[in-house]
Protein backbone atom coordinates (compact mmCIF):
# COMPACT_ATOMS: atom_id res chain seq x y z
CA MET A 1 126.90 -52.10 -57.12
CA THR A 2 129.15 -53.26 -54.51
CA ILE A 3 132.99 -52.48 -54.50
CA ILE A 4 135.07 -55.22 -53.05
CA LEU A 5 138.23 -53.72 -51.25
CA ASP A 6 141.02 -56.04 -50.34
CA ALA A 7 143.81 -54.52 -48.26
CA GLY A 8 146.98 -57.11 -49.30
CA HIS A 9 148.76 -58.75 -46.31
CA GLY A 10 148.32 -58.57 -42.71
CA GLY A 11 148.44 -55.90 -40.30
CA MET A 12 149.63 -54.99 -36.84
CA ILE A 13 148.52 -57.00 -33.58
CA ASP A 14 149.54 -55.90 -30.13
CA GLY A 15 152.70 -54.08 -32.14
CA VAL A 16 153.46 -57.37 -33.96
CA TYR A 17 153.30 -57.08 -37.89
CA GLN A 18 151.65 -60.04 -39.09
CA THR A 19 153.24 -60.79 -42.45
CA ALA A 20 156.94 -61.88 -42.86
CA GLY A 21 158.65 -59.66 -45.22
CA LYS A 22 156.44 -57.01 -46.98
CA ARG A 23 158.06 -54.09 -45.29
CA SER A 24 160.44 -51.43 -46.26
CA PRO A 25 164.20 -51.46 -45.24
CA ILE A 26 164.62 -49.43 -41.75
CA TRP A 27 165.53 -45.98 -43.29
CA ASP A 28 168.45 -43.82 -41.90
CA ASP A 29 165.86 -42.04 -39.78
CA GLY A 30 164.78 -45.22 -38.10
CA SER A 31 161.31 -45.34 -39.73
CA GLN A 32 160.01 -48.39 -41.54
CA TYR A 33 156.89 -49.02 -43.64
CA PHE A 34 154.84 -52.08 -43.12
CA GLU A 35 153.02 -52.62 -46.32
CA GLY A 36 149.88 -54.51 -44.70
CA VAL A 37 149.37 -51.56 -42.39
CA GLY A 38 149.71 -48.95 -45.09
CA ASN A 39 147.36 -51.08 -47.27
CA ARG A 40 144.63 -50.84 -44.66
CA GLN A 41 145.16 -47.35 -43.90
CA ILE A 42 144.38 -46.49 -47.69
CA VAL A 43 141.55 -49.10 -47.82
CA ASP A 44 139.96 -47.45 -44.81
CA LYS A 45 139.93 -43.95 -46.02
CA LEU A 46 138.77 -45.27 -49.66
CA THR A 47 135.84 -47.13 -47.86
CA ALA A 48 135.06 -43.90 -45.89
CA LYS A 49 134.93 -41.76 -49.32
CA LEU A 50 132.88 -44.56 -51.20
CA THR A 51 130.29 -44.84 -48.40
CA ALA A 52 129.97 -40.97 -48.01
CA GLU A 53 128.89 -41.18 -51.67
CA GLY A 54 126.35 -43.95 -50.88
CA ILE A 55 128.38 -46.58 -52.68
CA ASN A 56 128.31 -50.10 -50.87
CA VAL A 57 131.93 -51.45 -49.95
CA PHE A 58 132.60 -55.17 -49.11
CA ASN A 59 135.86 -55.57 -46.99
CA ALA A 60 137.46 -58.68 -48.02
CA ASN A 61 140.25 -58.60 -45.27
CA PRO A 62 138.57 -57.18 -42.31
CA SER A 63 140.87 -58.22 -39.46
CA GLU A 64 144.44 -57.34 -38.84
CA ALA A 65 145.33 -61.02 -39.22
CA ASP A 66 147.13 -62.26 -42.31
CA MET A 67 144.15 -64.16 -43.86
CA LYS A 68 145.28 -66.87 -46.33
CA LEU A 69 144.36 -66.00 -49.97
CA SER A 70 142.23 -68.86 -50.31
CA GLU A 71 140.15 -67.79 -47.47
CA ARG A 72 139.87 -64.40 -48.79
CA VAL A 73 138.82 -65.51 -52.08
CA LYS A 74 136.04 -67.86 -50.42
CA LEU A 75 134.76 -64.89 -48.48
CA ILE A 76 134.55 -62.69 -51.64
CA ASN A 77 133.11 -65.59 -53.95
CA ASN A 78 130.54 -66.53 -51.17
CA GLU A 79 129.48 -62.84 -50.94
CA ILE A 80 128.97 -62.58 -54.54
CA LYS A 81 126.94 -65.71 -54.80
CA SER A 82 124.73 -64.81 -51.89
CA ASN A 83 123.81 -61.60 -53.69
CA PRO A 84 122.91 -62.59 -57.31
CA ASP A 85 121.15 -59.48 -58.00
CA THR A 86 124.08 -57.22 -57.14
CA GLU A 87 126.94 -56.38 -59.44
CA PHE A 88 130.45 -56.60 -58.01
CA ILE A 89 133.93 -55.09 -58.86
CA GLY A 90 137.22 -55.97 -56.64
CA ILE A 91 140.23 -54.05 -56.10
CA SER A 92 143.33 -55.46 -54.07
CA VAL A 93 145.59 -52.69 -52.75
CA HIS A 94 149.37 -53.23 -52.37
CA SER A 95 152.78 -51.55 -52.75
CA ASN A 96 155.63 -52.75 -54.68
CA ALA A 97 158.94 -54.11 -53.54
CA PHE A 98 162.26 -55.03 -55.21
CA ARG A 99 165.72 -55.75 -54.16
CA ASP A 100 167.21 -53.00 -56.03
CA GLY A 101 166.09 -49.70 -54.18
CA ARG A 102 165.87 -47.82 -57.58
CA ALA A 103 163.02 -49.67 -58.57
CA ASN A 104 159.91 -47.15 -58.99
CA GLY A 105 156.62 -46.40 -60.29
CA TRP A 106 152.87 -47.48 -60.06
CA SER A 107 151.25 -50.39 -61.81
CA VAL A 108 148.09 -52.27 -62.05
CA HIS A 109 147.46 -56.04 -62.57
CA VAL A 110 144.62 -58.14 -64.18
CA SER A 111 144.62 -62.02 -64.61
CA ASN A 112 145.85 -63.42 -67.95
CA ASN A 113 142.14 -64.54 -68.67
CA CYS A 114 140.56 -61.52 -67.27
CA SER A 115 137.22 -59.77 -68.24
CA VAL A 116 136.64 -56.76 -70.49
CA ASP A 117 135.35 -55.09 -67.40
CA SER A 118 138.63 -55.87 -65.57
CA LEU A 119 140.63 -54.33 -68.32
CA ILE A 120 138.23 -51.10 -68.52
CA MET A 121 138.88 -50.70 -64.73
CA ALA A 122 142.58 -51.14 -65.05
CA ASP A 123 142.76 -48.64 -67.95
CA SER A 124 140.74 -46.21 -66.00
CA SER A 125 143.08 -46.81 -62.92
CA MET A 126 146.03 -46.07 -65.09
CA ASN A 127 144.70 -42.81 -66.36
CA GLN A 128 143.72 -41.47 -63.19
CA MET A 129 147.20 -42.38 -61.80
CA LYS A 130 148.58 -39.87 -64.72
CA VAL A 131 146.51 -37.33 -63.18
CA GLU A 132 147.23 -37.52 -59.39
CA PHE A 133 150.97 -38.52 -60.01
CA PRO A 134 152.08 -37.00 -63.38
CA ASP A 135 155.73 -36.83 -62.44
CA SER A 136 155.62 -40.48 -61.46
CA LEU A 137 156.68 -43.42 -63.54
CA ASN A 138 153.34 -45.35 -64.76
CA ARG A 139 154.13 -48.83 -65.34
CA GLY A 140 150.70 -49.40 -67.04
CA VAL A 141 148.46 -52.46 -67.19
CA LYS A 142 150.26 -55.78 -66.46
CA LYS A 143 148.95 -59.47 -67.05
CA ASN A 144 149.59 -61.70 -64.06
CA ASP A 145 147.88 -64.69 -62.62
CA PHE A 146 148.11 -63.79 -58.97
CA TYR A 147 145.77 -65.89 -57.14
CA ILE A 148 143.24 -63.32 -56.12
CA LEU A 149 142.84 -62.42 -59.70
CA ARG A 150 142.70 -65.70 -61.19
CA ASN A 151 140.05 -66.97 -58.67
CA THR A 152 137.55 -64.34 -57.91
CA ILE A 153 134.32 -64.44 -59.81
CA CYS A 154 133.80 -60.82 -60.71
CA PRO A 155 135.98 -58.16 -62.31
CA PHE A 156 139.06 -57.74 -60.33
CA ILE A 157 142.21 -55.73 -60.44
CA LEU A 158 145.24 -55.28 -58.36
CA THR A 159 147.15 -52.04 -57.81
CA GLU A 160 150.84 -51.85 -56.83
CA ASN A 161 151.09 -48.37 -55.44
CA PHE A 162 154.74 -47.26 -55.56
CA PHE A 163 157.70 -49.19 -54.30
CA MET A 164 158.19 -49.32 -50.19
CA THR A 165 161.79 -50.44 -51.17
CA ASN A 166 162.16 -46.97 -52.83
CA GLU A 167 163.23 -44.35 -50.15
CA LYS A 168 161.86 -41.46 -52.09
CA GLU A 169 158.39 -43.14 -53.04
CA CYS A 170 158.20 -44.72 -49.47
CA LYS A 171 158.87 -41.76 -47.44
CA GLU A 172 157.42 -39.16 -49.64
CA ILE A 173 154.12 -40.96 -50.89
CA LEU A 174 153.44 -44.06 -48.85
CA MET A 175 154.42 -42.79 -45.42
CA THR A 176 152.82 -39.40 -45.84
CA GLU A 177 149.12 -38.20 -45.28
CA GLU A 178 149.34 -36.33 -48.44
CA GLY A 179 150.78 -39.14 -50.39
CA GLN A 180 148.28 -41.91 -49.13
CA ASN A 181 145.33 -39.22 -49.87
CA LYS A 182 146.50 -38.95 -53.39
CA ILE A 183 146.38 -42.74 -53.54
CA VAL A 184 142.95 -42.78 -52.09
CA LYS A 185 141.70 -40.12 -54.69
CA LEU A 186 143.15 -42.07 -57.55
CA HIS A 187 141.30 -45.27 -56.59
CA PHE A 188 138.15 -43.17 -55.70
CA ASP A 189 138.05 -41.30 -59.01
CA PHE A 190 138.84 -44.35 -61.21
CA ILE A 191 135.91 -46.18 -59.47
CA LEU A 192 133.45 -43.34 -60.06
CA ASP A 193 134.71 -43.25 -63.71
CA TYR A 194 134.11 -46.97 -64.18
CA LEU A 195 130.51 -46.66 -62.56
CA GLY A 196 129.79 -43.50 -64.72
CA VAL A 197 129.26 -41.33 -61.74
C-alpha cells in the first residue's frame, strides 16, 4: 500500500508565495496564513508519522512551485501505472475560504463517480474529525468533480481543513502547532482505520 499525499497549491520560494489568492486576510496583529504553505506543513508532518509506521508515502507535489493540476495528476497516475502490484489511495490536503468570514467548519470531498473505497475513506475521515474536533462544525462528505478527484486512477479524497478566512479557525487551528497536529492526527488515524491497522 502507498499513500499519495498532495499538498494543495504552491509554497514559498525566496519569500514569495507562489499562488495568487489562497491566503487569509491580514489579521489585526499583522499575521497572515498562506494555504499552500500550511498544506505542506501538514503533509510533511503526516508523511513523517506514516513513514515511522512503515507506511509508504508518495508526495504528489514535492516542490514549492505551484505545479499545475494536470501535471500533478500525470505524476500520480504514472506512479500508479509503474507499480501495478501496489495498492494506492490518495489524499489532497487543503483549507477552505469564503468571502464571508463567518463561514466555518471541516469537510471532505469525493468525485461524483467516485469508487466505493473513496467513500469509505471519506466516511472514516469524517468520523475521525468528530473525534479530534468535537466542538467544530462537521460539514460532512460532499461530491464535487474537482480535477484531481475526477482524473486520478485510484481512490482519492480531498479534505478542506477549516476556513482560513475565518479568524478563529485560522488563528486557533491552522496557524498553531497544536491545531495543525490535530489535523495531522485526524488524517493519520483515518488512514490507519482504512488500512485496518
